[in-house]
Amino acid sequence: MQLKFSAIRNKRKNSGLVIRAKGVGGSWIAKLPAERFDGVPENEFSMMTIASRLGINVPGIDLVHVDSLEGLSAGLRRLRGTRLSPFVVSIETAQISST
């Protein structure tokens, strides 16, 4: 299982994301590292990048460090163990179309 949150771009931190506790979510999906499998965010980022380079239309994607997230609870930050990546993959939902 991979935790996902709606997020917005943090204009104060370069490439950071903000996860709001209340209100309307943002235009990005922040996917946290999976506990069971290594490198899930890195793998998803790599596959989406390859797909884009092959000419497949993909949404905006970014790989950001967990520490650049605002609004993430301390308990979730501590989940990083030996199997957890320090990165979060984020996908821009504004570019996802329902075709």
PDB file of N, CA and C in Angstrom:
ATOM      1  N   MET A   1       0.833  -1.165   0.000  1.00  0.00           N
ATOM      2  CA  MET A   1       0.000   0.000   0.000  1.00  0.00           C
ATOM      3  C   MET A   1       0.886   1.239   0.000  1.00  0.00           C
ATOM      4  N   GLN A   2       0.454   2.239  -0.747  1.00  0.00           N
ATOM      5  CA  GLN A   2       1.187   3.492  -0.845  1.00  0.00           C
ATOM      6  C   GLN A   2       0.240   4.629  -0.465  1.00  0.00           C
ATOM      7  N   LEU A   3       0.604   5.397   0.560  1.00  0.00           N
ATOM      8  CA  LEU A   3      -0.226   6.524   0.975  1.00  0.00           C
ATOM      9  C   LEU A   3      -0.146   7.640  -0.054  1.00  0.00           C
ATOM     10  N   LYS A   4      -1.296   8.277  -0.313  1.00  0.00           N
ATOM     11  CA  LYS A   4      -1.369   9.374  -1.279  1.00  0.00           C
ATOM     12  C   LYS A   4      -2.117  10.535  -0.654  1.00  0.00           C
ATOM     13  N   PHE A   5      -1.674  11.745  -0.960  1.00  0.00           N
ATOM     14  CA  PHE A   5      -2.315  12.952  -0.458  1.00  0.00           C
ATOM     15  C   PHE A   5      -2.438  13.968  -1.579  1.00  0.00           C
ATOM     16  N   SER A   6      -3.487  14.772  -1.514  1.00  0.00           N
ATOM     17  CA  SER A   6      -3.612  15.910  -2.404  1.00  0.00           C
ATOM     18  C   SER A   6      -2.689  17.001  -1.878  1.00  0.00           C
ATOM     19  N   ALA A   7      -1.987  17.677  -2.770  1.00  0.00           N
ATOM     20  CA  ALA A   7      -1.020  18.691  -2.342  1.00  0.00           C
ATOM     21  C   ALA A   7      -1.022  19.874  -3.301  1.00  0.00           C
ATOM     22  N   ILE A   8      -0.458  20.971  -2.825  1.00  0.00           N
ATOM     23  CA  ILE A   8      -0.251  22.146  -3.665  1.00  0.00           C
ATOM     24  C   ILE A   8       1.236  22.464  -3.671  1.00  0.00           C
ATOM     25  N   ARG A   9       1.696  23.162  -4.708  1.00  0.00           N
ATOM     26  CA  ARG A   9       3.091  23.593  -4.778  1.00  0.00           C
ATOM     27  C   ARG A   9       3.345  24.649  -3.717  1.00  0.00           C
ATOM     28  N   ASN A  10       4.464  24.531  -3.045  1.00  0.00           N
ATOM     29  CA  ASN A  10       4.867  25.510  -2.044  1.00  0.00           C
ATOM     30  C   ASN A  10       5.701  26.572  -2.742  1.00  0.00           C
ATOM     31  N   LYS A  11       5.158  27.756  -2.853  1.00  0.00           N
ATOM     32  CA  LYS A  11       5.868  28.826  -3.558  1.00  0.00           C
ATOM     33  C   LYS A  11       7.044  29.370  -2.754  1.00  0.00           C
ATOM     34  N   ARG A  12       7.043  29.128  -1.443  1.00  0.00           N
ATOM     35  CA  ARG A  12       8.148  29.602  -0.601  1.00  0.00           C
ATOM     36  C   ARG A  12       9.344  28.668  -0.674  1.00  0.00           C
ATOM     37  N   LYS A  13       9.093  27.363  -0.830  1.00  0.00           N
ATOM     38  CA  LYS A  13      10.186  26.387  -0.929  1.00  0.00           C
ATOM     39  C   LYS A  13      10.258  25.919  -2.373  1.00  0.00           C
ATOM     40  N   ASN A  14      11.430  25.945  -2.937  1.00  0.00           N
ATOM     41  CA  ASN A  14      11.598  25.506  -4.312  1.00  0.00           C
ATOM     42  C   ASN A  14      11.281  24.020  -4.423  1.00  0.00           C
ATOM     43  N   SER A  15      10.324  23.644  -5.229  1.00  0.00           N
ATOM     44  CA  SER A  15       9.888  22.257  -5.471  1.00  0.00           C
ATOM     45  C   SER A  15       9.195  21.602  -4.296  1.00  0.00           C
ATOM     46  N   GLY A  16       8.924  22.321  -3.237  1.00  0.00           N
ATOM     47  CA  GLY A  16       8.246  21.717  -2.097  1.00  0.00           C
ATOM     48  C   GLY A  16       6.751  21.589  -2.337  1.00  0.00           C
ATOM     49  N   LEU A  17       6.103  20.789  -1.513  1.00  0.00           N
ATOM     50  CA  LEU A  17       4.662  20.588  -1.591  1.00  0.00           C
ATOM     51  C   LEU A  17       4.049  20.847  -0.223  1.00  0.00           C
ATOM     52  N   VAL A  18       2.789  21.260  -0.219  1.00  0.00           N
ATOM     53  CA  VAL A  18       2.046  21.478   1.018  1.00  0.00           C
ATOM     54  C   VAL A  18       0.850  20.541   1.021  1.00  0.00           C
ATOM     55  N   ILE A  19       0.697  19.776   2.097  1.00  0.00           N
ATOM     56  CA  ILE A  19      -0.469  18.915   2.291  1.00  0.00           C
ATOM     57  C   ILE A  19      -1.353  19.624   3.304  1.00  0.00           C
ATOM     58  N   ARG A  20      -2.528  20.028   2.868  1.00  0.00           N
ATOM     59  CA  ARG A  20      -3.429  20.781   3.739  1.00  0.00           C
ATOM     60  C   ARG A  20      -4.213  19.851   4.647  1.00  0.00           C
ATOM     61  N   ALA A  21      -4.428  20.285   5.879  1.00  0.00           N
ATOM     62  CA  ALA A  21      -5.234  19.507   6.824  1.00  0.00           C
ATOM     63  C   ALA A  21      -6.720  19.704   6.566  1.00  0.00           C
ATOM     64  N   LYS A  22      -7.098  20.864   6.052  1.00  0.00           N
ATOM     65  CA  LYS A  22      -8.504  21.188   5.780  1.00  0.00           C
ATOM     66  C   LYS A  22      -8.615  21.863   4.431  1.00  0.00           C
ATOM     67  N   GLY A  23      -9.837  21.921   3.947  1.00  0.00           N
ATOM     68  CA  GLY A  23     -10.106  22.672   2.732  1.00  0.00           C
ATOM     69  C   GLY A  23      -9.889  21.872   1.473  1.00  0.00           C
ATOM     70  N   VAL A  24      -9.944  22.586   0.386  1.00  0.00           N
ATOM     71  CA  VAL A  24      -9.818  21.971  -0.931  1.00  0.00           C
ATOM     72  C   VAL A  24      -8.368  21.593  -1.173  1.00  0.00           C
ATOM     73  N   GLY A  25      -8.176  20.440  -1.760  1.00  0.00           N
ATOM     74  CA  GLY A  25      -6.830  19.972  -2.046  1.00  0.00           C
ATOM     75  C   GLY A  25      -6.207  20.701  -3.210  1.00  0.00           C
ATOM     76  N   GLY A  26      -5.037  20.291  -3.567  1.00  0.00           N
ATOM     77  CA  GLY A  26      -4.298  20.965  -4.617  1.00  0.00           C
ATOM     78  C   GLY A  26      -4.363  20.250  -5.946  1.00  0.00           C
ATOM     79  N   SER A  27      -3.472  20.646  -6.823  1.00  0.00           N
ATOM     80  CA  SER A  27      -3.441  20.071  -8.162  1.00  0.00           C
ATOM     81  C   SER A  27      -2.318  19.042  -8.321  1.00  0.00           C
ATOM     82  N   TRP A  28      -1.772  18.579  -7.215  1.00  0.00           N
ATOM     83  CA  TRP A  28      -0.741  17.546  -7.243  1.00  0.00           C
ATOM     84  C   TRP A  28      -1.152  16.387  -6.341  1.00  0.00           C
ATOM     85  N   ILE A  29      -0.739  15.177  -6.695  1.00  0.00           N
ATOM     86  CA  ILE A  29      -0.910  14.002  -5.841  1.00  0.00           C
ATOM     87  C   ILE A  29       0.477  13.666  -5.304  1.00  0.00           C
ATOM     88  N   ALA A  30       0.629  13.676  -3.993  1.00  0.00           N
ATOM     89  CA  ALA A  30       1.903  13.305  -3.363  1.00  0.00           C
ATOM     90  C   ALA A  30       1.795  11.857  -2.915  1.00  0.00           C
ATOM     91  N   LYS A  31       2.623  10.993  -3.479  1.00  0.00           N
ATOM     92  CA  LYS A  31       2.610   9.568  -3.145  1.00  0.00           C
ATOM     93  C   LYS A  31       3.823   9.264  -2.279  1.00  0.00           C
ATOM     94  N   LEU A  32       3.564   8.862  -1.049  1.00  0.00           N
ATOM     95  CA  LEU A  32       4.644   8.576  -0.109  1.00  0.00           C
ATOM     96  C   LEU A  32       5.294   7.224  -0.403  1.00  0.00           C
ATOM     97  N   PRO A  33       6.500   7.001   0.122  1.00  0.00           N
ATOM     98  CA  PRO A  33       7.166   5.713  -0.064  1.00  0.00           C
ATOM     99  C   PRO A  33       6.327   4.570   0.504  1.00  0.00           C
ATOM    100  N   ALA A  34       6.429   3.410  -0.120  1.00  0.00           N
ATOM    101  CA  ALA A  34       5.717   2.218   0.337  1.00  0.00           C
ATOM    102  C   ALA A  34       6.560   1.515   1.396  1.00  0.00           C
ATOM    103  N   GLU A  35       5.896   0.980   2.414  1.00  0.00           N
ATOM    104  CA  GLU A  35       6.633   0.276   3.469  1.00  0.00           C
ATOM    105  C   GLU A  35       7.143  -1.079   3.001  1.00  0.00           C
ATOM    106  N   ARG A  36       6.402  -1.717   2.125  1.00  0.00           N
ATOM    107  CA  ARG A  36       6.701  -3.105   1.772  1.00  0.00           C
ATOM    108  C   ARG A  36       7.742  -3.252   0.664  1.00  0.00           C
ATOM    109  N   PHE A  37       7.809  -2.288  -0.238  1.00  0.00           N
ATOM    110  CA  PHE A  37       8.699  -2.415  -1.394  1.00  0.00           C
ATOM    111  C   PHE A  37       9.670  -1.244  -1.459  1.00  0.00           C
ATOM    112  N   ASP A  38      10.888  -1.530  -1.869  1.00  0.00           N
ATOM    113  CA  ASP A  38      11.912  -0.496  -2.015  1.00  0.00           C
ATOM    114  C   ASP A  38      11.681   0.327  -3.280  1.00  0.00           C
ATOM    115  N   GLY A  39      12.020   1.597  -3.219  1.00  0.00           N
ATOM    116  CA  GLY A  39      12.122   2.435  -4.409  1.00  0.00           C
ATOM    117  C   GLY A  39      10.863   2.675  -5.209  1.00  0.00           C
ATOM    118  N   VAL A  40       9.696   2.601  -4.602  1.00  0.00           N
ATOM    119  CA  VAL A  40       8.448   2.792  -5.358  1.00  0.00           C
ATOM    120  C   VAL A  40       8.383   4.192  -5.984  1.00  0.00           C
ATOM    121  N   PRO A  41       8.650   5.273  -5.235  1.00  0.00           N
ATOM    122  CA  PRO A  41       8.593   6.595  -5.866  1.00  0.00           C
ATOM    123  C   PRO A  41       9.609   6.750  -7.008  1.00  0.00           C
ATOM    124  N   GLU A  42      10.825   6.272  -6.789  1.00  0.00           N
ATOM    125  CA  GLU A  42      11.849   6.375  -7.826  1.00  0.00           C
ATOM    126  C   GLU A  42      11.459   5.576  -9.064  1.00  0.00           C
ATOM    127  N   ASN A  43      10.882   4.393  -8.866  1.00  0.00           N
ATOM    128  CA  ASN A  43      10.463   3.564  -9.986  1.00  0.00           C
ATOM    129  C   ASN A  43       9.348   4.244 -10.782  1.00  0.00           C
ATOM    130  N   GLU A  44       8.344   4.765 -10.084  1.00  0.00           N
ATOM    131  CA  GLU A  44       7.242   5.425 -10.783  1.00  0.00           C
ATOM    132  C   GLU A  44       7.741   6.650 -11.551  1.00  0.00           C
ATOM    133  N   PHE A  45       8.621   7.421 -10.933  1.00  0.00           N
ATOM    134  CA  PHE A  45       9.186   8.589 -11.605  1.00  0.00           C
ATOM    135  C   PHE A  45       9.961   8.165 -12.858  1.00  0.00           C
ATOM    136  N   SER A  46      10.767   7.121 -12.744  1.00  0.00           N
ATOM    137  CA  SER A  46      11.563   6.633 -13.878  1.00  0.00           C
ATOM    138  C   SER A  46      10.683   6.155 -15.023  1.00  0.00           C
ATOM    139  N   MET A  47       9.652   5.378 -14.707  1.00  0.00           N
ATOM    140  CA  MET A  47       8.774   4.841 -15.749  1.00  0.00           C
ATOM    141  C   MET A  47       7.984   5.951 -16.456  1.00  0.00           C
ATOM    142  N   MET A  48       7.531   6.942 -15.693  1.00  0.00           N
ATOM    143  CA  MET A  48       6.801   8.061 -16.299  1.00  0.00           C
ATOM    144  C   MET A  48       7.737   8.902 -17.173  1.00  0.00           C
ATOM    145  N   THR A  49       8.987   9.051 -16.748  1.00  0.00           N
ATOM    146  CA  THR A  49       9.965   9.799 -17.534  1.00  0.00           C
ATOM    147  C   THR A  49      10.265   9.071 -18.836  1.00  0.00           C
ATOM    148  N   ILE A  50      10.456   7.762 -18.768  1.00  0.00           N
ATOM    149  CA  ILE A  50      10.699   6.969 -19.981  1.00  0.00           C
ATOM    150  C   ILE A  50       9.501   7.055 -20.913  1.00  0.00           C
ATOM    151  N   ALA A  51       8.298   6.910 -20.371  1.00  0.00           N
ATOM    152  CA  ALA A  51       7.084   6.993 -21.194  1.00  0.00           C
ATOM    153  C   ALA A  51       7.011   8.338 -21.914  1.00  0.00           C
ATOM    154  N   SER A  52       7.323   9.409 -21.210  1.00  0.00           N
ATOM    155  CA  SER A  52       7.294  10.746 -21.810  1.00  0.00           C
ATOM    156  C   SER A  52       8.303  10.855 -22.947  1.00  0.00           C
ATOM    157  N   ARG A  53       9.490  10.331 -22.733  1.00  0.00           N
ATOM    158  CA  ARG A  53      10.535  10.397 -23.768  1.00  0.00           C
ATOM    159  C   ARG A  53      10.200   9.546 -24.986  1.00  0.00           C
ATOM    160  N   LEU A  54       9.343   8.547 -24.787  1.00  0.00           N
ATOM    161  CA  LEU A  54       8.898   7.713 -25.904  1.00  0.00           C
ATOM    162  C   LEU A  54       7.706   8.323 -26.633  1.00  0.00           C
ATOM    163  N   GLY A  55       7.281   9.501 -26.186  1.00  0.00           N
ATOM    164  CA  GLY A  55       6.190  10.195 -26.859  1.00  0.00           C
ATOM    165  C   GLY A  55       4.812   9.955 -26.273  1.00  0.00           C
ATOM    166  N   ILE A  56       4.735   9.254 -25.157  1.00  0.00           N
ATOM    167  CA  ILE A  56       3.449   9.010 -24.502  1.00  0.00           C
ATOM    168  C   ILE A  56       3.095  10.243 -23.680  1.00  0.00           C
ATOM    169  N   ASN A  57       1.846  10.687 -23.790  1.00  0.00           N
ATOM    170  CA  ASN A  57       1.390  11.855 -23.045  1.00  0.00           C
ATOM    171  C   ASN A  57       1.218  11.482 -21.573  1.00  0.00           C
ATOM    172  N   VAL A  58       2.017  12.091 -20.710  1.00  0.00           N
ATOM    173  CA  VAL A  58       1.948  11.825 -19.268  1.00  0.00           C
ATOM    174  C   VAL A  58       1.767  13.150 -18.530  1.00  0.00           C
ATOM    175  N   PRO A  59       1.196  13.113 -17.333  1.00  0.00           N
ATOM    176  CA  PRO A  59       1.059  14.346 -16.552  1.00  0.00           C
ATOM    177  C   PRO A  59       2.417  14.809 -16.033  1.00  0.00           C
ATOM    178  N   GLY A  60       2.466  16.047 -15.568  1.00  0.00           N
ATOM    179  CA  GLY A  60       3.686  16.542 -14.946  1.00  0.00           C
ATOM    180  C   GLY A  60       4.047  15.654 -13.765  1.00  0.00           C
ATOM    181  N   ILE A  61       5.320  15.369 -13.600  1.00  0.00           N
ATOM    182  CA  ILE A  61       5.758  14.487 -12.513  1.00  0.00           C
ATOM    183  C   ILE A  61       7.041  15.056 -11.923  1.00  0.00           C
ATOM    184  N   ASP A  62       7.223  14.855 -10.646  1.00  0.00           N
ATOM    185  CA  ASP A  62       8.401  15.372  -9.958  1.00  0.00           C
ATOM    186  C   ASP A  62       8.777  14.396  -8.853  1.00  0.00           C
ATOM    187  N   LEU A  63      10.025  14.380  -8.489  1.00  0.00           N
ATOM    188  CA  LEU A  63      10.504  13.563  -7.379  1.00  0.00           C
ATOM    189  C   LEU A  63      11.061  14.525  -6.340  1.00  0.00           C
ATOM    190  N   VAL A  64      10.432  14.585  -5.185  1.00  0.00           N
ATOM    191  CA  VAL A  64      10.833  15.543  -4.152  1.00  0.00           C
ATOM    192  C   VAL A  64      11.184  14.802  -2.866  1.00  0.00           C
ATOM    193  N   HIS A  65      12.004  15.413  -2.047  1.00  0.00           N
ATOM    194  CA  HIS A  65      12.412  14.819  -0.778  1.00  0.00           C
ATOM    195  C   HIS A  65      11.281  14.943   0.234  1.00  0.00           C
ATOM    196  N   VAL A  66      11.104  13.938   1.067  1.00  0.00           N
ATOM    197  CA  VAL A  66      10.057  13.942   2.093  1.00  0.00           C
ATOM    198  C   VAL A  66      10.162  15.193   2.965  1.00  0.00           C
ATOM    199  N   ASP A  67      11.372  15.633   3.237  1.00  0.00           N
ATOM    200  CA  ASP A  67      11.561  16.801   4.097  1.00  0.00           C
ATOM    201  C   ASP A  67      11.049  18.097   3.469  1.00  0.00           C
ATOM    202  N   SER A  68      10.771  18.094   2.161  1.00  0.00           N
ATOM    203  CA  SER A  68      10.254  19.304   1.516  1.00  0.00           C
ATOM    204  C   SER A  68       8.731  19.402   1.606  1.00  0.00           C
ATOM    205  N   LEU A  69       8.080  18.416   2.233  1.00  0.00           N
ATOM    206  CA  LEU A  69       6.624  18.444   2.391  1.00  0.00           C
ATOM    207  C   LEU A  69       6.237  19.214   3.643  1.00  0.00           C
ATOM    208  N   GLU A  70       5.261  20.089   3.510  1.00  0.00           N
ATOM    209  CA  GLU A  70       4.692  20.773   4.673  1.00  0.00           C
ATOM    210  C   GLU A  70       3.345  20.144   4.962  1.00  0.00           C
ATOM    211  N   GLY A  71       3.020  19.979   6.232  1.00  0.00           N
ATOM    212  CA  GLY A  71       1.719  19.447   6.618  1.00  0.00           C
ATOM    213  C   GLY A  71       1.698  17.943   6.807  1.00  0.00           C
ATOM    214  N   LEU A  72       2.832  17.282   6.643  1.00  0.00           N
ATOM    215  CA  LEU A  72       2.912  15.839   6.846  1.00  0.00           C
ATOM    216  C   LEU A  72       3.141  15.581   8.330  1.00  0.00           C
ATOM    217  N   SER A  73       2.336  14.721   8.911  1.00  0.00           N
ATOM    218  CA  SER A  73       2.437  14.489  10.356  1.00  0.00           C
ATOM    219  C   SER A  73       3.793  13.882  10.727  1.00  0.00           C
ATOM    220  N   ALA A  74       4.191  14.124  11.964  1.00  0.00           N
ATOM    221  CA  ALA A  74       5.470  13.602  12.461  1.00  0.00           C
ATOM    222  C   ALA A  74       5.497  12.083  12.397  1.00  0.00           C
ATOM    223  N   GLY A  75       4.361  11.444  12.653  1.00  0.00           N
ATOM    224  CA  GLY A  75       4.285   9.988  12.597  1.00  0.00           C
ATOM    225  C   GLY A  75       4.609   9.450  11.217  1.00  0.00           C
ATOM    226  N   LEU A  76       4.125  10.116  10.180  1.00  0.00           N
ATOM    227  CA  LEU A  76       4.419   9.677   8.817  1.00  0.00           C
ATOM    228  C   LEU A  76       5.862   9.966   8.444  1.00  0.00           C
ATOM    229  N   ARG A  77       6.415  11.043   8.950  1.00  0.00           N
ATOM    230  CA  ARG A  77       7.830  11.331   8.679  1.00  0.00           C
ATOM    231  C   ARG A  77       8.736  10.258   9.281  1.00  0.00           C
ATOM    232  N   ARG A  78       8.335   9.691  10.425  1.00  0.00           N
ATOM    233  CA  ARG A  78       9.139   8.663  11.092  1.00  0.00           C
ATOM    234  C   ARG A  78       9.045   7.308  10.407  1.00  0.00           C
ATOM    235  N   LEU A  79       8.142   7.149   9.453  1.00  0.00           N
ATOM    236  CA  LEU A  79       8.005   5.863   8.772  1.00  0.00           C
ATOM    237  C   LEU A  79       9.251   5.473   8.000  1.00  0.00           C
ATOM    238  N   ARG A  80      10.113   6.423   7.733  1.00  0.00           N
ATOM    239  CA  ARG A  80      11.308   6.089   6.968  1.00  0.00           C
ATOM    240  C   ARG A  80      12.185   5.135   7.759  1.00  0.00           C
ATOM    241  N   GLY A  81      12.246   3.920   7.326  1.00  0.00           N
ATOM    242  CA  GLY A  81      13.106   2.925   7.943  1.00  0.00           C
ATOM    243  C   GLY A  81      14.119   2.477   6.917  1.00  0.00           C
ATOM    244  N   THR A  82      14.594   1.271   7.050  1.00  0.00           N
ATOM    245  CA  THR A  82      15.598   0.794   6.106  1.00  0.00           C
ATOM    246  C   THR A  82      15.006   0.574   4.721  1.00  0.00           C
ATOM    247  N   ARG A  83      13.696   0.292   4.636  1.00  0.00           N
ATOM    248  CA  ARG A  83      13.090   0.006   3.346  1.00  0.00           C
ATOM    249  C   ARG A  83      12.416   1.223   2.714  1.00  0.00           C
ATOM    250  N   LEU A  84      12.315   2.298   3.439  1.00  0.00           N
ATOM    251  CA  LEU A  84      11.583   3.441   2.909  1.00  0.00           C
ATOM    252  C   LEU A  84      12.502   4.461   2.255  1.00  0.00           C
ATOM    253  N   SER A  85      12.117   4.866   1.077  1.00  0.00           N
ATOM    254  CA  SER A  85      12.832   5.885   0.339  1.00  0.00           C
ATOM    255  C   SER A  85      12.607   7.246   0.988  1.00  0.00           C
ATOM    256  N   PRO A  86      13.561   8.141   0.902  1.00  0.00           N
ATOM    257  CA  PRO A  86      13.328   9.486   1.424  1.00  0.00           C
ATOM    258  C   PRO A  86      12.606  10.377   0.418  1.00  0.00           C
ATOM    259  N   PHE A  87      12.155   9.801  -0.701  1.00  0.00           N
ATOM    260  CA  PHE A  87      11.538  10.605  -1.748  1.00  0.00           C
ATOM    261  C   PHE A  87      10.048  10.342  -1.884  1.00  0.00           C
ATOM    262  N   VAL A  88       9.372  11.341  -2.418  1.00  0.00           N
ATOM    263  CA  VAL A  88       7.941  11.278  -2.707  1.00  0.00           C
ATOM    264  C   VAL A  88       7.790  11.594  -4.184  1.00  0.00           C
ATOM    265  N   VAL A  89       6.998  10.807  -4.894  1.00  0.00           N
ATOM    266  CA  VAL A  89       6.702  11.140  -6.281  1.00  0.00           C
ATOM    267  C   VAL A  89       5.441  11.984  -6.276  1.00  0.00           C
ATOM    268  N   SER A  90       5.426  13.014  -7.078  1.00  0.00           N
ATOM    269  CA  SER A  90       4.234  13.850  -7.155  1.00  0.00           C
ATOM    270  C   SER A  90       3.789  13.959  -8.607  1.00  0.00           C
ATOM    271  N   ILE A  91       2.489  13.856  -8.809  1.00  0.00           N
ATOM    272  CA  ILE A  91       1.911  13.881 -10.145  1.00  0.00           C
ATOM    273  C   ILE A  91       0.945  15.049 -10.230  1.00  0.00           C
ATOM    274  N   GLU A  92       1.056  15.845 -11.275  1.00  0.00           N
ATOM    275  CA  GLU A  92       0.190  16.999 -11.447  1.00  0.00           C
ATOM    276  C   GLU A  92      -1.161  16.559 -11.992  1.00  0.00           C
ATOM    277  N   THR A  93      -2.197  16.701 -11.181  1.00  0.00           N
ATOM    278  CA  THR A  93      -3.531  16.237 -11.570  1.00  0.00           C
ATOM    279  C   THR A  93      -4.179  17.133 -12.599  1.00  0.00           C
ATOM    280  N   ALA A  94      -3.751  18.369 -12.692  1.00  0.00           N
ATOM    281  CA  ALA A  94      -4.343  19.293 -13.653  1.00  0.00           C
ATOM    282  C   ALA A  94      -4.112  18.817 -15.081  1.00  0.00           C
ATOM    283  N   GLN A  95      -3.118  17.975 -15.293  1.00  0.00           N
ATOM    284  CA  GLN A  95      -2.808  17.495 -16.633  1.00  0.00           C
ATOM    285  C   GLN A  95      -3.395  16.122 -16.919  1.00  0.00           C
ATOM    286  N   ILE A  96      -4.071  15.524 -15.958  1.00  0.00           N
ATOM    287  CA  ILE A  96      -4.664  14.211 -16.175  1.00  0.00           C
ATOM    288  C   ILE A  96      -6.039  14.417 -16.784  1.00  0.00           C
ATOM    289  N   SER A  97      -6.257  13.831 -17.948  1.00  0.00           N
ATOM    290  CA  SER A  97      -7.567  13.980 -18.583  1.00  0.00           C
ATOM    291  C   SER A  97      -8.284  12.644 -18.599  1.00  0.00           C
ATOM    292  N   SER A  98      -9.591  12.688 -18.621  1.00  0.00           N
ATOM    293  CA  SER A  98     -10.388  11.453 -18.657  1.00  0.00           C
ATOM    294  C   SER A  98     -10.786  11.169 -20.095  1.00  0.00           C
ATOM    295  N   THR A  99      -9.918  10.437 -20.802  1.00  0.00           N
ATOM    296  CA  THR A  99     -10.209  10.086 -22.192  1.00  0.00           C
ATOM    297  C   THR A  99     -10.545   8.631 -22.309  1.00  0.00           C
TER     298      THR A  99
END
